[in-house]
């Protein structure tokens, strides 16, 4: 596969994975245009005919095509991120509730099973979903930024590196793109996370976001909502770097070594299964590398005026790394697998291919591009 001069500035990641086969879809354009503004490129209006945009479609998809790296492309990825993160985190609210209480009060919540039993006895079935509203809204906002800006920064850093180095150092581009996106995503998430933890770990504090947010602000001020931002970055940035880089690598290896059929010849169902499997394995790694910071976030958001030093003193270094870890591995593995499955399912739905599956190849810029 080769690249022409006209396409030398197109990112190697993942433009060569895509092929075209279906018609435009007006409904998709209406959906994505509204979410596309943050990624708009004013210079795009002056693109010459010789540098017409790359068009991408999943083979045999009915919903039309989207211009590669256009505002509609990034908007589609943003919507997919909202669905994948918001819905999955809300679904595992009961697990998250038990995990947070095990981190805050291990003497009372000694195990997963006893934690569920205590919550059921004290708060009833409805208690398992305390904090679901800030969870849904917070992680929807985070998912929008995480996936939308990941695709943006991945293209941006690939252009800076150039075709040869983008192919050679693809993993560094995955890491840099995901880290940059997560910095923005956590700013959107942090206020919701602060209220969620307080609602879940302090019975009687508030019923949910509606009364919990103003009560939190009255108690600790508006800046108190961002008290846990640095620990949140400490938890989420390593998590997201692992989530994206390991997923891209695992999926590439699965298609290369475990699946005898080329990706573009695999069924959509098989491709989505690969996405879920790659996401689940990536999620296990994510849980391990981000768990100490997760304990810190829970501790700081639960106790007024608490510091990182207080958390280390009370929990100990071993506790920071291990308290609640088995449950979080199960939760994050399932969560991450489901997120990639939903994200790629949405991409297929709007006519885009699934994420990952082929290694970038450095090629000469003066030859004609080959068809995928």
Protein backbone atom coordinates (compact mmCIF):
# COMPACT_ATOMS: atom_id res chain seq x y z
CA UNK A 1 0.00 0.00 0.00
CA UNK A 2 1.43 3.40 -0.96
CA UNK A 3 0.61 7.05 -0.46
CA UNK A 4 0.45 9.91 -2.96
CA UNK A 5 1.65 13.48 -2.42
CA UNK A 6 -1.96 14.49 -1.99
CA UNK A 7 -2.40 12.13 0.92
CA UNK A 8 0.98 12.50 2.61
CA UNK A 9 -0.50 14.68 5.31
CA UNK A 10 -3.28 12.24 6.08
CA UNK A 11 -2.67 10.33 9.27
CA UNK A 12 -1.49 6.76 8.94
CA UNK A 13 -3.59 5.99 11.96
CA UNK A 14 -6.15 4.73 10.99
CA UNK A 15 -6.90 6.05 7.46
CA UNK A 16 -5.58 3.02 5.59
CA UNK A 17 -7.97 0.76 7.49
CA UNK A 18 -11.01 2.18 5.76
CA UNK A 19 -12.64 1.55 2.38
CA UNK A 20 -15.69 2.98 0.63
CA UNK A 21 -18.82 1.26 -0.63
CA UNK A 22 -22.09 2.97 0.39
CA UNK A 23 -24.10 6.18 -0.26
CA UNK A 24 -24.43 9.42 1.71
CA UNK A 25 -26.76 9.42 4.68
CA UNK A 26 -28.63 12.66 5.40
CA UNK A 27 -29.81 11.56 8.83
CA UNK A 28 -26.23 10.92 9.95
CA UNK A 29 -25.14 14.35 8.73
CA UNK A 30 -27.91 16.04 10.72
CA UNK A 31 -26.92 14.05 13.83
CA UNK A 32 -23.21 14.75 13.63
CA UNK A 33 -23.27 18.36 12.42
CA UNK A 34 -24.63 19.54 15.76
CA UNK A 35 -21.79 17.93 17.69
CA UNK A 36 -19.08 18.84 15.21
CA UNK A 37 -18.35 22.50 16.04
CA UNK A 38 -15.40 21.97 18.48
CA UNK A 39 -13.45 20.14 15.78
CA UNK A 40 -14.20 22.47 12.84
CA UNK A 41 -11.29 23.54 10.68
CA UNK A 42 -11.85 26.96 9.09
CA UNK A 43 -9.29 26.26 6.39
CA UNK A 44 -11.28 23.27 5.21
CA UNK A 45 -13.53 25.57 3.17
CA UNK A 46 -10.60 26.41 0.91
CA UNK A 47 -9.45 22.85 0.13
CA UNK A 48 -8.48 22.58 -3.52
CA UNK A 49 -9.91 19.86 -5.78
CA UNK A 50 -6.50 18.19 -5.85
CA UNK A 51 -6.69 17.70 -2.10
CA UNK A 52 -10.25 16.48 -1.76
CA UNK A 53 -11.07 14.84 1.58
CA UNK A 54 -10.68 11.11 2.07
CA UNK A 55 -14.07 9.39 2.35
CA UNK A 56 -14.52 6.36 4.57
CA UNK A 57 -17.17 3.68 4.79
CA UNK A 58 -17.43 0.25 6.27
CA UNK A 59 -17.98 -2.38 3.55
CA UNK A 60 -21.63 -3.16 2.88
CA UNK A 61 -22.87 -0.65 5.45
CA UNK A 62 -26.22 1.00 4.71
CA UNK A 63 -25.73 4.35 6.42
CA UNK A 64 -23.47 6.25 4.09
CA UNK A 65 -20.04 7.77 4.27
CA UNK A 66 -18.25 10.38 6.35
CA UNK A 67 -15.31 12.51 5.33
CA UNK A 68 -12.15 11.30 7.02
CA UNK A 69 -11.11 13.64 9.86
CA UNK A 70 -14.01 15.96 9.08
CA UNK A 71 -16.13 17.55 11.82
CA UNK A 72 -18.72 14.84 11.15
CA UNK A 73 -16.10 12.13 11.74
CA UNK A 74 -15.05 13.56 15.10
CA UNK A 75 -18.68 14.19 16.03
CA UNK A 76 -19.54 10.55 15.36
CA UNK A 77 -16.64 9.45 17.59
CA UNK A 78 -17.84 11.89 20.27
CA UNK A 79 -21.37 10.50 20.23
CA UNK A 80 -19.98 6.97 20.37
CA UNK A 81 -17.92 7.96 23.41
CA UNK A 82 -20.97 9.37 25.19
CA UNK A 83 -22.89 6.14 24.68
CA UNK A 84 -20.02 3.82 25.55
CA UNK A 85 -18.90 5.52 28.77
CA UNK A 86 -22.15 6.92 30.13
CA UNK A 87 -24.24 3.78 29.75
CA UNK A 88 -21.59 1.33 30.96
CA UNK A 89 -20.64 3.28 34.08
CA UNK A 90 -24.28 3.74 35.00
CA UNK A 91 -24.90 0.00 34.57
CA UNK A 92 -22.13 -0.96 37.02
CA UNK A 93 -23.23 1.57 39.66
CA UNK A 94 -23.92 -1.22 42.23
CA UNK A 95 -20.37 -2.56 41.84
CA UNK A 96 -18.93 0.94 42.05
CA UNK A 97 -20.97 1.63 45.18
CA UNK A 98 -19.63 -1.45 46.96
CA UNK A 99 -16.09 -0.69 45.77
CA UNK A 100 -16.17 2.89 47.07
CA UNK A 101 -17.47 1.78 50.48
CA UNK A 102 -14.84 -0.96 50.73
CA UNK A 103 -12.18 1.69 50.09
CA UNK A 104 -13.59 4.16 52.63
CA UNK A 105 -14.68 1.78 55.42
CA UNK A 106 -12.90 -1.59 55.07
CA UNK A 107 -13.71 -2.54 58.68
CA UNK A 108 -17.42 -2.56 57.84
CA UNK A 109 -17.30 -3.64 54.19
CA UNK A 110 -14.86 -6.52 54.44
CA UNK A 111 -15.64 -8.32 51.18
CA UNK A 112 -17.67 -8.01 48.02
CA UNK A 113 -20.41 -10.37 49.19
CA UNK A 114 -20.69 -8.83 52.65
CA UNK A 115 -20.68 -5.37 51.09
CA UNK A 116 -23.70 -6.18 48.95
CA UNK A 117 -25.41 -7.75 51.97
CA UNK A 118 -24.86 -4.71 54.19
CA UNK A 119 -26.09 -2.30 51.53
CA UNK A 120 -29.17 -4.43 50.85
CA UNK A 121 -29.99 -4.63 54.55
CA UNK A 122 -29.43 -0.93 55.29
CA UNK A 123 -30.64 0.75 52.10
CA UNK A 124 -32.71 -1.81 50.20
CA UNK A 125 -32.54 -2.57 46.48
CA UNK A 126 -32.88 1.10 45.54
CA UNK A 127 -29.72 1.82 47.51
CA UNK A 128 -27.64 -0.07 44.96
CA UNK A 129 -28.21 2.73 42.44
CA UNK A 130 -27.45 5.72 44.64
CA UNK A 131 -25.44 8.22 42.63
CA UNK A 132 -26.50 6.92 39.22
CA UNK A 133 -27.37 10.39 37.88
CA UNK A 134 -23.95 12.01 38.48
CA UNK A 135 -22.42 8.77 37.22
CA UNK A 136 -24.38 8.90 33.96
CA UNK A 137 -23.86 12.61 33.32
CA UNK A 138 -20.24 12.73 34.48
CA UNK A 139 -19.03 9.74 32.50
CA UNK A 140 -21.05 10.76 29.43
CA UNK A 141 -19.17 14.07 29.45
CA UNK A 142 -15.91 12.26 30.04
CA UNK A 143 -16.58 9.76 27.25
CA UNK A 144 -17.37 12.51 24.78
CA UNK A 145 -14.01 14.17 25.43
CA UNK A 146 -12.06 10.93 25.83
CA UNK A 147 -12.98 9.34 22.49
CA UNK A 148 -13.56 12.51 20.46
CA UNK A 149 -10.29 14.16 21.43
CA UNK A 150 -8.37 10.85 21.23
CA UNK A 151 -9.21 10.59 17.54
CA UNK A 152 -8.34 14.28 17.10
CA UNK A 153 -4.98 14.12 18.89
CA UNK A 154 -4.06 10.82 17.26
CA UNK A 155 -4.41 12.48 13.86
CA UNK A 156 -2.72 15.68 15.06
CA UNK A 157 0.36 13.90 16.45
CA UNK A 158 0.57 11.63 13.40
CA UNK A 159 0.70 14.67 11.15
CA UNK A 160 3.46 16.20 13.29
CA UNK A 161 5.49 12.97 13.19
CA UNK A 162 5.03 12.38 9.47
CA UNK A 163 4.21 9.07 7.76
CA UNK A 164 7.44 7.21 8.49
CA UNK A 165 7.72 8.10 12.17
CA UNK A 166 3.98 7.76 12.75
CA UNK A 167 4.28 4.16 11.61
CA UNK A 168 7.49 3.50 13.52
CA UNK A 169 6.34 5.03 16.79
CA UNK A 170 2.61 4.28 16.60
CA UNK A 171 2.41 3.20 20.26
CA UNK A 172 3.84 6.53 21.40
CA UNK A 173 1.20 8.28 19.33
CA UNK A 174 -1.53 6.16 20.96
CA UNK A 175 -0.13 7.06 24.39
CA UNK A 176 0.26 10.77 23.69
CA UNK A 177 -3.15 11.08 22.06
CA UNK A 178 -4.98 9.29 24.86
CA UNK A 179 -3.16 11.22 27.61
CA UNK A 180 -3.96 14.56 25.98
CA UNK A 181 -7.62 13.63 25.60
CA UNK A 182 -7.92 12.46 29.20
CA UNK A 183 -6.59 15.73 30.62
CA UNK A 184 -9.59 17.45 29.05
CA UNK A 185 -12.03 14.65 29.85
CA UNK A 186 -11.27 14.68 33.58
CA UNK A 187 -11.98 18.38 33.87
CA UNK A 188 -15.49 17.58 32.64
CA UNK A 189 -15.82 14.56 34.96
CA UNK A 190 -14.37 15.86 38.23
CA UNK A 191 -17.38 17.79 39.68
CA UNK A 192 -19.72 14.87 39.03
CA UNK A 193 -17.26 12.39 40.52
CA UNK A 194 -16.94 14.45 43.70
CA UNK A 195 -20.70 14.51 44.26
CA UNK A 196 -21.06 10.84 43.31
CA UNK A 197 -18.54 9.64 45.88
CA UNK A 198 -20.06 11.80 48.63
CA UNK A 199 -23.59 10.55 47.88
CA UNK A 200 -22.48 6.91 47.74
CA UNK A 201 -20.30 6.81 50.85
CA UNK A 202 -22.18 9.12 53.23
CA UNK A 203 -25.78 7.92 53.72
CA UNK A 204 -28.06 10.86 54.36
CA UNK A 205 -25.79 13.38 52.66
CA UNK A 206 -28.08 13.71 49.64
CA UNK A 207 -30.39 11.70 47.45
CA UNK A 208 -28.53 12.46 44.25
CA UNK A 209 -27.07 15.16 42.04
CA UNK A 210 -29.96 17.62 42.33
CA UNK A 211 -29.61 18.18 46.07
CA UNK A 212 -26.06 16.85 46.44
CA UNK A 213 -24.34 19.39 44.18
CA UNK A 214 -25.60 22.58 45.91
CA UNK A 215 -25.00 21.00 49.32
CA UNK A 216 -21.45 20.09 48.35
CA UNK A 217 -20.79 23.64 47.07
CA UNK A 218 -22.18 25.20 50.26
CA UNK A 219 -19.94 22.97 52.34
CA UNK A 220 -16.65 23.22 50.45
CA UNK A 221 -17.11 25.93 47.83
CA UNK A 222 -17.13 25.61 44.07
CA UNK A 223 -13.39 24.90 43.99
CA UNK A 224 -14.00 21.97 46.32
CA UNK A 225 -15.55 20.17 43.36
CA UNK A 226 -12.07 20.05 41.86
CA UNK A 227 -10.24 19.02 45.03
CA UNK A 228 -9.78 15.55 43.62
CA UNK A 229 -8.71 16.65 40.13
CA UNK A 230 -5.00 15.87 40.49
CA UNK A 231 -5.62 12.40 41.97
CA UNK A 232 -8.27 11.91 39.27
CA UNK A 233 -5.66 12.71 36.63
CA UNK A 234 -3.35 10.31 38.45
CA UNK A 235 -5.98 7.59 38.15
CA UNK A 236 -7.48 8.30 34.75
CA UNK A 237 -4.48 9.33 32.63
CA UNK A 238 -2.53 6.07 33.21
CA UNK A 239 -5.83 4.19 32.89
CA UNK A 240 -6.67 5.79 29.55
CA UNK A 241 -3.15 5.48 28.16
CA UNK A 242 -3.26 1.78 28.97
CA UNK A 243 -6.84 1.50 27.70
CA UNK A 244 -6.13 2.86 24.23
CA UNK A 245 -2.55 1.76 23.62
CA UNK A 246 -3.04 -1.80 24.87
CA UNK A 247 -6.38 -2.13 23.07
CA UNK A 248 -4.91 -1.05 19.74
CA UNK A 249 -1.97 -3.42 20.22
CA UNK A 250 -4.08 -6.39 21.39
CA UNK A 251 -6.57 -6.03 18.53
CA UNK A 252 -3.73 -5.75 16.02
CA UNK A 253 -2.17 -8.94 17.41
CA UNK A 254 -5.51 -10.80 17.41
CA UNK A 255 -6.05 -10.08 13.72
CA UNK A 256 -2.44 -10.86 12.93
CA UNK A 257 -1.95 -14.11 14.87
CA UNK A 258 -5.28 -15.49 16.12
CA UNK A 259 -7.71 -14.83 13.26
CA UNK A 260 -6.75 -16.36 9.89
CA UNK A 261 -9.10 -14.10 7.92
CA UNK A 262 -8.12 -10.51 7.07
CA UNK A 263 -10.10 -7.97 9.04
CA UNK A 264 -11.91 -6.53 6.03
CA UNK A 265 -13.22 -10.03 5.26
CA UNK A 266 -14.43 -10.74 8.80
CA UNK A 267 -18.10 -10.38 9.66
CA UNK A 268 -19.22 -7.37 11.64
CA UNK A 269 -20.17 -9.67 14.52
CA UNK A 270 -16.66 -11.13 14.65
CA UNK A 271 -15.06 -7.69 14.52
CA UNK A 272 -17.22 -6.49 17.41
CA UNK A 273 -16.34 -9.64 19.34
CA UNK A 274 -12.65 -8.85 18.84
CA UNK A 275 -13.30 -5.33 20.08
CA UNK A 276 -14.94 -6.64 23.27
CA UNK A 277 -12.21 -9.23 23.91
CA UNK A 278 -9.42 -6.71 23.32
CA UNK A 279 -11.19 -4.21 25.53
CA UNK A 280 -11.65 -6.67 28.38
CA UNK A 281 -7.97 -7.65 28.46
CA UNK A 282 -6.96 -3.99 28.23
CA UNK A 283 -9.34 -3.23 31.11
CA UNK A 284 -7.55 -5.66 33.43
CA UNK A 285 -4.27 -3.82 32.83
CA UNK A 286 -6.06 -0.49 33.27
CA UNK A 287 -7.45 -1.47 36.68
CA UNK A 288 -4.04 -2.48 38.01
CA UNK A 289 -2.10 0.61 36.95
CA UNK A 290 -4.76 3.10 38.08
CA UNK A 291 -5.93 1.51 41.33
CA UNK A 292 -3.78 3.42 43.87
CA UNK A 293 -5.05 6.74 42.51
CA UNK A 294 -8.62 5.40 42.56
CA UNK A 295 -8.27 4.78 46.29
CA UNK A 296 -6.96 8.32 46.75
CA UNK A 297 -9.88 9.83 44.82
CA UNK A 298 -12.41 7.95 46.95
CA UNK A 299 -10.67 8.94 50.20
CA UNK A 300 -10.27 12.65 49.34
CA UNK A 301 -13.82 13.07 48.08
CA UNK A 302 -15.27 11.37 51.15
CA UNK A 303 -13.44 13.29 53.91
CA UNK A 304 -13.63 17.08 54.17
CA UNK A 305 -10.17 18.66 54.31
CA UNK A 306 -8.35 15.35 53.77
CA UNK A 307 -4.96 15.29 52.06
CA UNK A 308 -2.98 12.70 50.13
CA UNK A 309 -0.73 12.30 53.17
CA UNK A 310 -3.75 11.50 55.32
CA UNK A 311 -4.81 8.82 52.84
CA UNK A 312 -1.39 7.18 52.76
CA UNK A 313 -1.13 7.27 56.54
CA UNK A 314 -4.53 5.70 57.08
CA UNK A 315 -4.50 3.14 54.26
CA UNK A 316 -0.79 2.37 53.98
CA UNK A 317 1.05 1.79 50.73
CA UNK A 318 -0.12 -1.81 50.49
CA UNK A 319 -3.70 -0.73 51.05
CA UNK A 320 -3.45 1.87 48.30
CA UNK A 321 -2.46 -0.79 45.80
CA UNK A 322 -4.67 -3.68 46.92
CA UNK A 323 -7.79 -2.47 48.77
CA UNK A 324 -10.79 -3.20 46.54
CA UNK A 325 -8.55 -4.35 43.65
CA UNK A 326 -10.21 -7.74 42.84
CA UNK A 327 -13.63 -6.12 42.51
CA UNK A 328 -12.21 -3.28 40.45
CA UNK A 329 -10.50 -5.74 38.06
CA UNK A 330 -13.83 -7.45 37.42
CA UNK A 331 -15.64 -4.13 37.11
CA UNK A 332 -13.10 -2.35 34.91
CA UNK A 333 -12.43 -5.39 32.71
CA UNK A 334 -16.14 -5.77 31.96
CA UNK A 335 -16.59 -2.02 31.70
CA UNK A 336 -13.75 -1.49 29.24
CA UNK A 337 -14.75 -4.46 27.10
CA UNK A 338 -18.32 -3.19 26.93
CA UNK A 339 -17.14 0.36 26.16
CA UNK A 340 -15.10 -0.74 23.16
CA UNK A 341 -17.94 -2.98 22.02
CA UNK A 342 -20.50 -0.16 22.19
CA UNK A 343 -18.13 2.41 20.68
CA UNK A 344 -17.27 0.21 17.71
CA UNK A 345 -20.90 -0.90 17.32
CA UNK A 346 -21.90 2.75 16.99
CA UNK A 347 -19.11 3.34 14.47
CA UNK A 348 -20.36 0.40 12.40
CA UNK A 349 -23.91 1.75 12.69
CA UNK A 350 -22.93 5.11 11.18
CA UNK A 351 -20.82 3.52 8.44
CA UNK A 352 -17.34 3.55 10.01
CA UNK A 353 -15.08 0.52 10.50
CA UNK A 354 -14.18 -0.81 13.92
CA UNK A 355 -11.08 0.50 15.72
CA UNK A 356 -7.63 -1.00 15.21
CA UNK A 357 -6.59 -4.16 13.48
CA UNK A 358 -3.60 -3.28 11.30
CA UNK A 359 -0.15 -1.90 11.94
CA UNK A 360 0.84 1.36 10.22
CA UNK A 361 3.20 0.83 7.30
CA UNK A 362 5.79 3.42 6.29
CA UNK A 363 5.60 3.81 2.52
CA UNK A 364 6.89 6.08 -0.17
CA UNK A 365 4.96 9.30 -0.62
CA UNK A 366 5.38 9.47 -4.40
CA UNK A 367 3.35 6.40 -5.37
CA UNK A 368 -0.36 5.94 -5.83
CA UNK A 369 -2.40 4.78 -2.82
CA UNK A 370 -3.50 1.18 -2.91
CA UNK A 371 -7.00 0.06 -2.08
CA UNK A 372 -7.51 -1.59 1.33
